[in-house]
N, C-alpha and C. Protein backbone atom coordinates (compact mmCIF):
# COMPACT_ATOMS: atom_id res chain seq x y z
N UNK A 1 -33.62 -18.15 17.99
CA UNK A 1 -33.63 -17.14 17.97
C UNK A 1 -32.38 -16.45 18.60
N UNK A 2 -32.01 -16.99 19.65
CA UNK A 2 -30.21 -16.59 20.38
C UNK A 2 -29.40 -16.39 19.38
N UNK A 3 -29.10 -17.96 18.55
CA UNK A 3 -28.12 -17.95 17.32
C UNK A 3 -28.62 -17.21 16.51
N UNK A 4 -29.32 -16.69 16.08
CA UNK A 4 -29.35 -15.66 15.11
C UNK A 4 -29.02 -14.27 15.83
N UNK A 5 -29.33 -14.25 16.72
CA UNK A 5 -29.06 -12.74 17.39
C UNK A 5 -27.28 -12.85 17.84
N UNK A 6 -26.95 -13.72 17.92
CA UNK A 6 -25.46 -13.81 18.23
C UNK A 6 -24.71 -13.91 17.16
N UNK A 7 -25.15 -14.40 15.65
CA UNK A 7 -25.00 -14.04 14.59
C UNK A 7 -24.84 -12.69 14.08
N UNK A 8 -26.02 -11.99 14.19
CA UNK A 8 -26.15 -10.63 14.06
C UNK A 8 -25.28 -9.50 14.38
N UNK A 9 -25.17 -10.24 15.97
CA UNK A 9 -23.76 -9.18 16.86
C UNK A 9 -22.38 -9.38 16.28
N UNK A 10 -22.14 -10.47 16.24
CA UNK A 10 -20.90 -10.82 15.68
C UNK A 10 -20.56 -10.58 14.06
N UNK A 11 -21.68 -10.29 13.27
CA UNK A 11 -21.77 -9.61 12.06
C UNK A 11 -21.63 -8.05 12.34
N UNK A 12 -22.14 -7.61 13.00
CA UNK A 12 -22.39 -5.63 13.45
C UNK A 12 -20.61 -5.76 14.06
N UNK A 13 -20.62 -6.67 14.90
CA UNK A 13 -18.91 -6.20 15.28
C UNK A 13 -17.90 -6.15 14.54
N UNK A 14 -17.97 -7.40 13.38
CA UNK A 14 -16.96 -7.20 12.07
C UNK A 14 -16.95 -5.95 11.52
N UNK A 15 -18.04 -5.66 11.01
CA UNK A 15 -18.78 -4.60 10.35
C UNK A 15 -17.83 -3.22 10.73
N UNK A 16 -17.95 -3.33 12.15
CA UNK A 16 -17.82 -2.03 13.20
C UNK A 16 -16.06 -2.12 13.29
N UNK A 17 -15.47 -3.38 12.88
CA UNK A 17 -13.81 -3.34 13.08
C UNK A 17 -13.18 -2.78 11.63
N UNK A 18 -13.68 -3.07 10.50
CA UNK A 18 -13.42 -2.71 9.29
C UNK A 18 -13.85 -1.40 9.15
N UNK A 19 -12.29 -0.59 9.14
CA UNK A 19 -12.41 1.28 8.72
C UNK A 19 -11.75 1.40 7.51
N UNK A 20 -12.90 2.10 6.42
CA UNK A 20 -12.23 2.58 5.32
C UNK A 20 -11.49 3.75 5.56
N UNK A 21 -10.26 3.90 4.81
CA UNK A 21 -8.91 4.96 5.09
C UNK A 21 -9.16 5.54 3.88
N UNK A 22 -8.92 7.02 3.91
CA UNK A 22 -9.28 8.07 3.28
C UNK A 22 -7.85 8.00 1.81
N UNK A 23 -8.01 7.92 0.94
CA UNK A 23 -7.12 7.72 -0.12
C UNK A 23 -7.10 8.88 -1.35
N UNK A 24 -6.20 9.81 -1.80
CA UNK A 24 -5.98 10.91 -2.37
C UNK A 24 -4.84 10.49 -3.26
N UNK A 25 -4.80 11.15 -4.26
CA UNK A 25 -3.80 11.13 -5.48
C UNK A 25 -2.75 12.32 -5.50
N UNK A 26 -1.75 12.22 -5.72
CA UNK A 26 -0.96 13.16 -5.46
C UNK A 26 0.05 13.19 -6.80
N UNK A 27 0.96 13.92 -7.03
CA UNK A 27 2.06 13.95 -7.64
C UNK A 27 3.45 14.15 -7.76
N UNK A 28 4.45 13.52 -8.18
CA UNK A 28 5.82 13.40 -7.66
C UNK A 28 6.33 14.63 -8.46
N UNK A 29 7.78 15.50 -8.11
CA UNK A 29 7.88 15.36 -6.63
C UNK A 29 7.10 16.24 -5.93
N UNK A 30 6.06 16.80 -5.74
CA UNK A 30 5.19 17.42 -5.19
C UNK A 30 4.92 17.30 -3.84
N UNK A 31 4.45 15.78 -3.78
CA UNK A 31 4.65 14.92 -2.63
C UNK A 31 5.60 15.08 -1.52
N UNK A 32 6.60 15.29 -1.91
CA UNK A 32 8.04 15.17 -1.25
C UNK A 32 8.25 16.21 -0.33
N UNK A 33 7.22 17.55 -0.51
CA UNK A 33 7.32 18.42 0.47
C UNK A 33 7.10 18.33 1.23
N UNK A 34 5.87 17.56 1.67
CA UNK A 34 5.27 16.81 2.86
C UNK A 34 6.44 16.76 3.78
N UNK A 35 7.19 15.83 3.50
CA UNK A 35 8.50 14.99 3.85
C UNK A 35 9.77 15.95 4.31
N UNK A 36 9.95 16.44 3.41
CA UNK A 36 11.19 17.21 3.46
C UNK A 36 11.18 18.91 2.82
N UNK A 37 11.38 19.98 3.85
CA UNK A 37 11.34 21.26 3.34
C UNK A 37 12.20 21.37 1.82
N UNK A 38 12.99 20.55 1.59
CA UNK A 38 13.94 20.68 0.08
C UNK A 38 13.10 20.38 -0.90
N UNK A 39 11.79 19.01 -0.61
CA UNK A 39 11.05 18.40 -1.59
C UNK A 39 11.82 17.27 -2.14
N UNK A 40 13.05 17.28 -1.56
CA UNK A 40 14.05 16.10 -2.05
C UNK A 40 14.04 15.24 -1.11
N UNK A 41 13.42 13.73 -1.08
CA UNK A 41 13.72 12.85 -0.52
C UNK A 41 14.74 11.46 -0.25
N UNK A 42 15.75 10.90 0.38
CA UNK A 42 16.69 9.94 0.55
C UNK A 42 16.07 8.69 1.00
N UNK A 43 16.14 7.83 0.11
CA UNK A 43 15.27 6.49 0.01
C UNK A 43 15.75 5.24 0.72
N UNK A 44 15.24 4.23 1.32
CA UNK A 44 15.74 2.83 0.94
C UNK A 44 14.66 1.99 0.39
N UNK A 45 15.07 1.23 -0.07
CA UNK A 45 14.23 0.16 -1.16
C UNK A 45 14.53 -1.11 -0.27
N UNK A 46 13.45 -2.19 -0.40
CA UNK A 46 13.27 -3.50 -0.47
C UNK A 46 12.63 -4.26 -1.42
N UNK A 47 13.13 -5.21 -1.97
CA UNK A 47 12.30 -5.81 -3.19
C UNK A 47 12.28 -7.47 -2.69
N UNK A 48 11.10 -8.00 -2.72
CA UNK A 48 10.69 -9.36 -2.62
C UNK A 48 9.90 -9.70 -3.69
N UNK A 49 10.66 -11.13 -4.77
CA UNK A 49 10.21 -11.52 -5.67
C UNK A 49 8.70 -12.22 -5.63
N UNK A 50 7.97 -11.96 -6.70
CA UNK A 50 6.80 -12.18 -6.95
C UNK A 50 7.04 -13.06 -8.21
N UNK A 51 6.33 -14.11 -8.17
CA UNK A 51 6.56 -15.17 -9.87
C UNK A 51 7.48 -14.87 -10.46
N UNK A 52 9.08 -15.02 -10.07
CA UNK A 52 10.04 -14.88 -10.45
C UNK A 52 10.69 -13.56 -11.08
N UNK A 53 9.72 -13.08 -12.34
CA UNK A 53 10.10 -11.58 -13.11
C UNK A 53 9.51 -10.58 -12.44
N UNK A 54 8.59 -10.67 -11.42
CA UNK A 54 7.45 -9.74 -10.66
C UNK A 54 8.24 -9.39 -9.23
N UNK A 55 7.83 -8.50 -8.47
CA UNK A 55 8.46 -7.84 -7.01
C UNK A 55 7.55 -6.93 -6.45
N UNK A 56 7.59 -6.99 -5.20
CA UNK A 56 6.38 -5.91 -4.49
C UNK A 56 8.07 -5.31 -3.98
N UNK A 57 7.78 -3.78 -4.02
CA UNK A 57 8.55 -2.81 -3.63
C UNK A 57 8.21 -2.24 -2.20
N UNK A 58 9.17 -2.53 -1.08
CA UNK A 58 8.89 -1.76 -0.26
C UNK A 58 9.82 -0.26 -0.09
N UNK A 59 9.50 0.64 0.22
CA UNK A 59 10.17 2.17 0.31
C UNK A 59 9.86 2.46 1.84
N UNK A 60 11.07 3.05 2.51
CA UNK A 60 11.30 3.86 3.63
C UNK A 60 11.81 4.88 3.55
N UNK A 61 11.60 5.86 4.21
CA UNK A 61 12.36 7.44 4.75
C UNK A 61 11.64 7.78 5.65
N UNK A 62 12.42 8.60 6.59
CA UNK A 62 12.30 9.53 7.81
C UNK A 62 11.98 10.94 7.09
N UNK A 63 10.86 11.56 7.42
CA UNK A 63 10.45 12.93 7.56
C UNK A 63 11.71 13.97 7.92
N UNK A 64 11.69 14.97 7.61
CA UNK A 64 13.27 15.82 8.01
C UNK A 64 12.39 16.96 9.27
N UNK A 65 13.15 17.17 9.86
CA UNK A 65 12.85 18.80 10.28
C UNK A 65 12.34 19.76 9.79
N UNK A 66 11.25 20.16 9.96
CA UNK A 66 10.81 21.57 9.45
C UNK A 66 9.77 21.38 8.69
N UNK A 67 9.66 20.01 8.15
CA UNK A 67 8.31 19.37 6.59
C UNK A 67 7.28 19.44 7.85
N UNK A 68 6.15 19.23 6.77
CA UNK A 68 4.59 19.17 8.07
C UNK A 68 4.64 17.90 8.49
N UNK A 69 5.18 16.89 8.08
CA UNK A 69 5.62 15.39 8.72
C UNK A 69 6.44 15.25 9.55
N UNK A 70 7.68 15.85 9.77
CA UNK A 70 8.67 15.98 10.48
C UNK A 70 8.74 15.22 11.86
N UNK A 71 9.42 14.21 11.87
CA UNK A 71 9.58 13.08 12.89
C UNK A 71 8.95 11.83 12.49
N UNK A 72 8.31 11.69 11.29
CA UNK A 72 7.58 10.72 11.08
C UNK A 72 8.27 9.45 10.12
N UNK A 73 7.70 8.77 10.15
CA UNK A 73 8.04 7.30 9.00
C UNK A 73 7.09 7.44 7.75
N UNK A 74 7.81 7.41 6.61
CA UNK A 74 7.16 7.16 5.33
C UNK A 74 7.39 5.78 5.04
N UNK A 75 5.82 5.26 4.46
CA UNK A 75 6.44 3.80 4.17
C UNK A 75 5.51 3.70 2.61
N UNK A 76 6.25 3.24 1.90
CA UNK A 76 5.29 3.50 0.61
C UNK A 76 6.03 1.81 -0.41
N UNK A 77 4.69 1.60 -1.11
CA UNK A 77 4.58 0.32 -1.77
C UNK A 77 4.17 0.21 -3.08
N UNK A 78 4.96 -0.61 -3.71
CA UNK A 78 4.44 -1.05 -5.27
C UNK A 78 4.82 -2.42 -5.93
N UNK A 79 3.70 -2.78 -6.81
CA UNK A 79 3.82 -3.97 -7.28
C UNK A 79 4.22 -4.38 -8.50
N UNK A 80 4.93 -4.99 -8.85
CA UNK A 80 5.44 -4.53 -10.31
C UNK A 80 5.69 -6.07 -11.16
N UNK A 81 4.55 -6.12 -11.74
CA UNK A 81 4.45 -7.43 -12.48
C UNK A 81 4.95 -7.07 -14.55
N UNK A 82 5.18 -5.93 -14.70
CA UNK A 82 5.44 -5.70 -15.79
C UNK A 82 6.21 -6.98 -16.89
N UNK A 83 7.29 -7.79 -15.92
CA UNK A 83 8.01 -8.74 -16.89
C UNK A 83 7.22 -10.04 -16.32
N UNK A 84 5.92 -10.56 -15.79
CA UNK A 84 5.09 -11.42 -15.36
C UNK A 84 4.61 -11.93 -16.83
N UNK A 85 5.25 -13.14 -17.18
CA UNK A 85 4.62 -13.66 -18.34
C UNK A 85 3.29 -14.61 -17.89
N UNK A 86 1.87 -14.66 -18.41
CA UNK A 86 1.10 -15.42 -18.41
C UNK A 86 1.03 -16.16 -19.68
N UNK A 87 1.34 -17.73 -19.52
CA UNK A 87 1.55 -18.85 -20.26
C UNK A 87 -0.13 -19.30 -21.14
N UNK A 88 -0.80 -19.61 -19.98
CA UNK A 88 -2.18 -20.28 -20.10
C UNK A 88 -3.08 -19.33 -19.62
N UNK A 89 -3.22 -18.54 -18.86
CA UNK A 89 -3.81 -17.64 -17.97
C UNK A 89 -2.67 -16.51 -17.89
N UNK A 90 -3.58 -15.43 -17.91
CA UNK A 90 -2.25 -13.96 -17.02
C UNK A 90 -3.03 -14.23 -15.68
N UNK A 91 -2.03 -14.19 -15.08
CA UNK A 91 -1.54 -13.92 -13.68
C UNK A 91 -1.96 -12.61 -12.99
N UNK A 92 -2.32 -12.71 -12.10
CA UNK A 92 -3.03 -11.26 -11.49
C UNK A 92 -3.35 -11.08 -9.76
N UNK A 93 -3.12 -10.02 -9.52
CA UNK A 93 -3.15 -9.97 -7.87
C UNK A 93 -4.11 -8.79 -7.52
N UNK A 94 -5.00 -8.91 -6.31
CA UNK A 94 -6.42 -8.51 -6.51
C UNK A 94 -5.88 -7.81 -5.39
N UNK A 95 -5.13 -7.78 -4.47
CA UNK A 95 -5.24 -7.16 -3.20
C UNK A 95 -3.91 -7.39 -2.29
N UNK A 96 -3.26 -6.63 -1.31
CA UNK A 96 -2.18 -6.79 -0.37
C UNK A 96 -2.59 -6.58 0.79
N UNK A 97 -2.23 -6.98 1.77
CA UNK A 97 -2.45 -7.00 3.17
C UNK A 97 -1.31 -6.77 4.04
N UNK A 98 -0.92 -5.45 4.58
CA UNK A 98 0.05 -5.50 5.69
C UNK A 98 -0.22 -5.01 6.87
N UNK A 99 0.39 -5.97 7.56
CA UNK A 99 0.09 -5.78 9.16
C UNK A 99 0.90 -4.15 9.72
N UNK A 100 0.20 -2.61 9.15
CA UNK A 100 0.86 -1.29 9.63
C UNK A 100 0.87 -0.73 10.60
N UNK A 101 -0.14 -1.14 11.74
CA UNK A 101 -0.40 -0.32 12.94
C UNK A 101 -1.60 0.83 12.76
N UNK A 102 -0.97 1.68 13.45
CA UNK A 102 -1.97 2.66 13.13
C UNK A 102 -0.87 3.94 12.38
N UNK A 103 -1.95 4.46 11.52
CA UNK A 103 -0.97 5.81 10.42
C UNK A 103 -1.10 6.79 10.84
N UNK A 104 -0.55 7.86 10.91
CA UNK A 104 -0.60 9.22 11.36
C UNK A 104 -1.23 10.01 10.09
N UNK A 105 -2.10 10.77 10.17
CA UNK A 105 -2.77 11.48 9.24
C UNK A 105 -2.19 12.68 8.99
N UNK A 106 -2.01 13.36 7.46
CA UNK A 106 -1.41 14.66 6.86
C UNK A 106 -2.06 15.14 5.86
N UNK A 107 -2.35 16.14 5.50
CA UNK A 107 -2.80 16.52 4.16
C UNK A 107 -1.76 16.54 2.97
N UNK A 108 -1.92 15.28 2.62
CA UNK A 108 -0.77 14.80 1.41
C UNK A 108 -0.95 15.93 0.17
N UNK A 109 -2.52 16.03 -0.04
CA UNK A 109 -2.68 16.52 -1.56
C UNK A 109 -3.18 18.26 -1.29
N UNK A 110 -2.65 18.98 -0.17
CA UNK A 110 -3.12 20.27 -0.19
C UNK A 110 -4.35 21.13 -0.17
N UNK A 111 -5.53 20.05 -0.09
CA UNK A 111 -6.66 20.54 0.11
C UNK A 111 -6.94 20.83 1.30
N UNK A 112 -6.54 20.94 2.34
CA UNK A 112 -6.94 21.73 3.58
C UNK A 112 -7.32 20.24 4.72
N UNK A 113 -7.80 19.09 4.29
CA UNK A 113 -8.10 17.99 4.87
C UNK A 113 -7.25 17.19 5.04
N UNK A 114 -7.06 16.11 6.22
CA UNK A 114 -5.80 15.21 6.41
C UNK A 114 -6.27 14.11 5.97
N UNK A 115 -5.57 12.75 5.17
CA UNK A 115 -5.39 11.98 4.46
C UNK A 115 -4.80 11.25 5.06
N UNK A 116 -5.46 9.51 4.73
CA UNK A 116 -4.52 8.63 5.35
C UNK A 116 -3.90 7.55 4.30
N UNK A 117 -3.86 7.70 3.29
CA UNK A 117 -3.21 7.31 2.20
C UNK A 117 -3.12 7.87 0.53
N UNK A 118 -1.72 8.33 0.34
CA UNK A 118 -1.57 8.51 -0.61
C UNK A 118 -1.17 7.74 -2.02
N UNK A 119 -1.26 7.81 -3.19
CA UNK A 119 -1.16 7.34 -4.22
C UNK A 119 -0.38 8.53 -5.39
N UNK A 120 0.73 8.32 -6.03
CA UNK A 120 1.63 8.75 -6.57
C UNK A 120 1.09 8.62 -8.50
N UNK A 121 0.25 9.30 -8.75
CA UNK A 121 -0.85 8.99 -9.85
C UNK A 121 0.37 9.55 -11.14
N UNK A 122 0.98 10.95 -10.61
CA UNK A 122 1.94 11.74 -11.68
C UNK A 122 2.98 11.75 -11.31
N UNK A 123 4.08 11.69 -12.49
CA UNK A 123 5.37 12.11 -11.94
C UNK A 123 6.02 10.79 -11.48
N UNK A 124 5.43 9.56 -11.70
CA UNK A 124 6.01 8.54 -11.25
C UNK A 124 5.84 6.88 -12.31
N UNK A 125 6.30 6.29 -11.89
CA UNK A 125 6.05 4.81 -12.50
C UNK A 125 4.49 3.92 -11.90
N UNK A 126 3.87 3.53 -13.08
CA UNK A 126 2.78 2.84 -12.62
C UNK A 126 1.63 3.19 -13.73
N UNK A 127 0.43 2.25 -13.53
CA UNK A 127 -0.76 2.25 -14.27
C UNK A 127 -1.60 1.79 -13.60
N UNK A 128 -1.82 1.53 -12.02
CA UNK A 128 -2.76 0.63 -11.17
C UNK A 128 -2.82 1.62 -9.95
N UNK A 129 -4.16 2.04 -9.85
CA UNK A 129 -4.53 2.42 -8.42
C UNK A 129 -5.16 1.99 -7.57
N UNK A 130 -5.51 2.45 -6.50
CA UNK A 130 -6.26 1.73 -5.43
C UNK A 130 -7.47 2.08 -5.46
N UNK A 131 -8.13 0.79 -5.20
CA UNK A 131 -9.85 1.00 -5.80
C UNK A 131 -10.30 1.18 -3.75
N UNK A 132 -9.54 0.82 -2.87
CA UNK A 132 -9.59 1.39 -1.45
C UNK A 132 -8.99 0.49 -0.34
N UNK A 133 -8.94 1.35 0.53
CA UNK A 133 -7.67 1.06 1.92
C UNK A 133 -8.28 0.45 3.03
N UNK A 134 -8.51 -0.55 3.69
CA UNK A 134 -9.35 -0.43 4.50
C UNK A 134 -8.87 -1.71 5.93
N UNK A 135 -8.77 -0.64 7.30
CA UNK A 135 -8.06 -1.52 8.28
C UNK A 135 -8.65 -2.39 9.01
N UNK A 136 -8.18 -3.48 9.50
CA UNK A 136 -9.12 -4.24 10.39
C UNK A 136 -7.77 -4.71 11.10
N UNK A 137 -8.35 -3.51 12.47
CA UNK A 137 -7.10 -4.03 13.30
C UNK A 137 -6.05 -3.49 13.36
N UNK A 138 -4.69 -4.07 13.03
CA UNK A 138 -3.42 -3.57 12.66
C UNK A 138 -3.20 -3.58 11.49
N UNK A 139 -4.32 -4.72 10.58
CA UNK A 139 -4.02 -4.55 9.00
C UNK A 139 -4.47 -3.83 8.40
N UNK A 140 -4.06 -3.30 7.32
CA UNK A 140 -4.17 -2.82 6.03
C UNK A 140 -4.47 -3.68 5.18
N UNK A 141 -5.86 -3.48 4.21
CA UNK A 141 -5.93 -4.59 3.23
C UNK A 141 -6.08 -3.40 1.84
N UNK A 142 -5.12 -3.16 1.27
CA UNK A 142 -4.84 -2.26 -0.09
C UNK A 142 -5.79 -3.43 -1.11
N UNK A 143 -7.04 -2.54 -1.99
CA UNK A 143 -7.62 -3.44 -2.94
C UNK A 143 -7.20 -2.57 -4.42
N UNK A 144 -6.39 -3.35 -5.53
CA UNK A 144 -6.00 -2.97 -6.62
C UNK A 144 -7.18 -2.30 -7.69
N UNK A 145 -7.27 -1.39 -8.35
CA UNK A 145 -8.52 -1.02 -9.59
C UNK A 145 -7.35 -0.73 -10.80
N UNK A 146 -7.40 -1.67 -11.39
CA UNK A 146 -7.94 -3.06 -11.55
C UNK A 146 -7.15 -3.92 -11.09
N UNK A 147 -7.17 -5.07 -10.78
CA UNK A 147 -6.39 -5.80 -10.61
C UNK A 147 -4.61 -5.80 -11.52
N UNK A 148 -3.56 -5.57 -10.56
CA UNK A 148 -2.33 -5.80 -11.36
C UNK A 148 -2.17 -6.74 -11.62
N UNK A 149 -1.96 -7.07 -13.41
CA UNK A 149 -1.98 -8.14 -13.83
C UNK A 149 -0.49 -8.19 -14.64
N UNK A 150 -0.14 -9.57 -14.86
CA UNK A 150 1.05 -9.65 -15.55
C UNK A 150 0.73 -9.91 -17.29
N UNK A 151 1.78 -9.97 -18.35
CA UNK A 151 1.40 -9.50 -19.37
C UNK A 151 1.53 -10.72 -20.43
N UNK A 152 1.33 -10.51 -21.86
CA UNK A 152 1.38 -11.89 -22.76
C UNK A 152 2.85 -11.68 -23.06
N UNK A 153 3.42 -10.85 -22.77
CA UNK A 153 5.15 -10.83 -23.29
C UNK A 153 6.24 -9.62 -22.25
N UNK A 154 7.13 -9.97 -22.10
CA UNK A 154 7.97 -9.32 -21.35
C UNK A 154 7.81 -7.99 -21.67
N UNK A 155 7.28 -6.98 -20.35
CA UNK A 155 7.48 -5.25 -20.61
C UNK A 155 5.78 -5.19 -20.80
N UNK A 156 4.71 -6.44 -21.09
CA UNK A 156 3.46 -5.77 -21.16
C UNK A 156 2.38 -5.52 -19.98
N UNK A 157 2.96 -5.88 -18.61
CA UNK A 157 2.53 -6.48 -17.57
C UNK A 157 1.82 -5.13 -16.98
N UNK A 158 1.44 -5.13 -15.84
CA UNK A 158 1.06 -3.90 -15.08
C UNK A 158 2.32 -3.60 -13.30
N UNK A 159 2.02 -2.30 -13.53
CA UNK A 159 2.70 -1.64 -12.39
C UNK A 159 1.66 -1.19 -11.48
N UNK A 160 1.62 -1.44 -9.58
CA UNK A 160 0.61 -0.28 -9.39
C UNK A 160 1.66 1.22 -9.56
N UNK A 161 1.05 2.21 -9.61
CA UNK A 161 1.62 3.70 -8.77
C UNK A 161 2.34 3.37 -7.07
N UNK A 162 3.32 4.10 -6.77
CA UNK A 162 3.67 4.13 -5.51
C UNK A 162 2.73 4.45 -4.95
N UNK A 163 2.15 4.24 -3.96
CA UNK A 163 0.87 4.26 -2.78
C UNK A 163 1.62 4.27 -1.03
N UNK A 164 1.26 4.94 -0.13
CA UNK A 164 2.40 5.03 0.97
C UNK A 164 1.24 5.67 1.99
N UNK A 165 1.45 5.74 3.12
CA UNK A 165 1.20 5.92 4.31
C UNK A 165 2.72 6.32 5.05
N UNK A 166 1.95 6.95 6.32
CA UNK A 166 3.14 7.49 7.51
C UNK A 166 2.70 7.16 8.81
N UNK A 167 3.72 6.94 9.64
CA UNK A 167 3.65 6.08 10.83
C UNK A 167 4.74 6.95 12.03
N UNK A 168 4.10 6.86 13.13
CA UNK A 168 5.28 7.45 14.26
C UNK A 168 6.99 6.25 14.56
N UNK A 169 6.35 5.04 13.56
CA UNK A 169 7.13 4.47 14.16
C UNK A 169 8.20 3.64 12.71
N UNK A 170 9.64 3.44 13.76
CA UNK A 170 10.78 3.22 12.17
C UNK A 170 9.71 1.37 11.83
N UNK A 171 10.70 1.36 10.75
CA UNK A 171 10.32 0.22 10.21
C UNK A 171 10.83 -1.27 10.91
N UNK A 172 10.37 -1.89 10.26
CA UNK A 172 10.85 -3.53 10.60
C UNK A 172 10.18 -4.15 9.53
N UNK A 173 10.79 -5.69 9.52
CA UNK A 173 10.42 -6.96 8.61
C UNK A 173 8.71 -7.57 8.90
N UNK A 174 8.20 -7.30 7.75
CA UNK A 174 6.93 -7.68 8.21
C UNK A 174 7.04 -8.94 6.80
N UNK A 175 5.69 -9.70 7.04
CA UNK A 175 5.36 -10.53 5.70
C UNK A 175 3.92 -10.14 5.11
N UNK A 176 4.00 -9.80 4.02
CA UNK A 176 2.70 -8.97 3.41
C UNK A 176 1.96 -10.37 2.63
N UNK A 177 0.55 -10.31 2.71
CA UNK A 177 -0.15 -11.59 1.76
C UNK A 177 -0.86 -10.78 0.80
N UNK A 178 -0.59 -11.34 -0.45
CA UNK A 178 -1.60 -10.82 -1.78
C UNK A 178 -2.19 -11.73 -2.43
N UNK A 179 -3.12 -11.33 -2.39
CA UNK A 179 -4.19 -12.13 -2.81
C UNK A 179 -4.37 -12.19 -4.46
N UNK A 180 -4.30 -13.23 -5.35
CA UNK A 180 -4.04 -13.59 -6.82
C UNK A 180 -5.01 -14.54 -7.04
N UNK A 181 -4.78 -14.83 -8.70
CA UNK A 181 -5.40 -15.90 -9.00
C UNK A 181 -4.91 -17.04 -9.82
N UNK A 182 -3.60 -17.37 -9.19
CA UNK A 182 -2.56 -18.37 -9.57
C UNK A 182 -2.31 -19.25 -8.36
N UNK A 183 -3.15 -19.42 -7.34
CA UNK A 183 -2.89 -20.33 -6.26
C UNK A 183 -3.16 -19.84 -5.03
N UNK A 184 -2.77 -20.38 -4.25
CA UNK A 184 -2.90 -19.89 -2.57
C UNK A 184 -2.20 -17.91 -2.07
N UNK A 185 -2.75 -17.48 -1.56
CA UNK A 185 -2.05 -16.25 -1.05
C UNK A 185 -0.56 -15.95 -1.12
N UNK A 186 0.30 -15.14 -1.64
CA UNK A 186 1.72 -14.96 -1.68
C UNK A 186 1.78 -14.28 -0.57
N UNK A 187 2.99 -14.90 0.12
CA UNK A 187 3.51 -14.15 1.45
C UNK A 187 4.78 -13.64 0.90
N UNK A 188 4.82 -12.38 1.38
CA UNK A 188 5.97 -11.56 0.56
C UNK A 188 6.92 -10.64 1.80
N UNK A 189 8.02 -10.39 1.40
CA UNK A 189 9.06 -9.86 2.39
C UNK A 189 8.85 -8.34 2.70
N UNK A 190 8.04 -7.77 3.11
CA UNK A 190 8.01 -6.15 3.35
C UNK A 190 8.39 -5.48 4.61
N UNK A 191 8.97 -4.03 4.49
CA UNK A 191 8.80 -3.09 5.64
C UNK A 191 7.61 -2.56 5.80
N UNK A 192 7.58 -2.39 7.29
CA UNK A 192 5.73 -1.57 7.70
C UNK A 192 6.59 -1.51 9.22
N UNK A 193 5.53 -0.12 9.97
CA UNK A 193 6.01 0.65 11.00
C UNK A 193 6.31 -1.20 12.12
N UNK A 194 7.17 -0.41 13.17
CA UNK A 194 7.38 -1.55 14.33
C UNK A 194 6.57 -1.14 15.42
N UNK A 195 5.37 -1.10 15.25
CA UNK A 195 3.72 -0.39 16.22
C UNK A 195 3.82 -1.88 17.55
N UNK A 196 3.76 -1.03 18.50
CA UNK A 196 3.34 -1.54 19.80
C UNK A 196 2.19 -3.06 19.72
């Protein structure tokens, strides 16, 4: 009986730790107005290869003075498998886990409510969105809807839309983990906030 109670408490504690984040869809360049009064941003990008012809793109920039998110740092991500070709099966990525730490909440879509994650579904590249973003401690796991898949020929695979969060901490290098159907999880170089 005690072991059952212990297991139940452990499961409840695990469930309490998992925190779903609020995701909203936005368009570009309108989302840039949250980060710069001119509605233009200057970005830096990092690319980590996936299966030779694909990549994880990390994008980072600082919000400018006078913007709603002034003084914070913006981290955006995109998985691109458009040129990854499946030979005997189509490789796909189901989720991406990043040690992000605490995020700052802002009204990204102009509805008056604070959001955690924005997905740029209009005015940018991509065809795959997010099913969920769930925080567990400092890690955030982004699950894709549908999974990001390679294609039957170059140019026929998927790309996620850019999705992003805001932090008060500048970036540093981290290792992101991508769950997939082709083998062990991929460990990919990425940028994320340098939180305590």
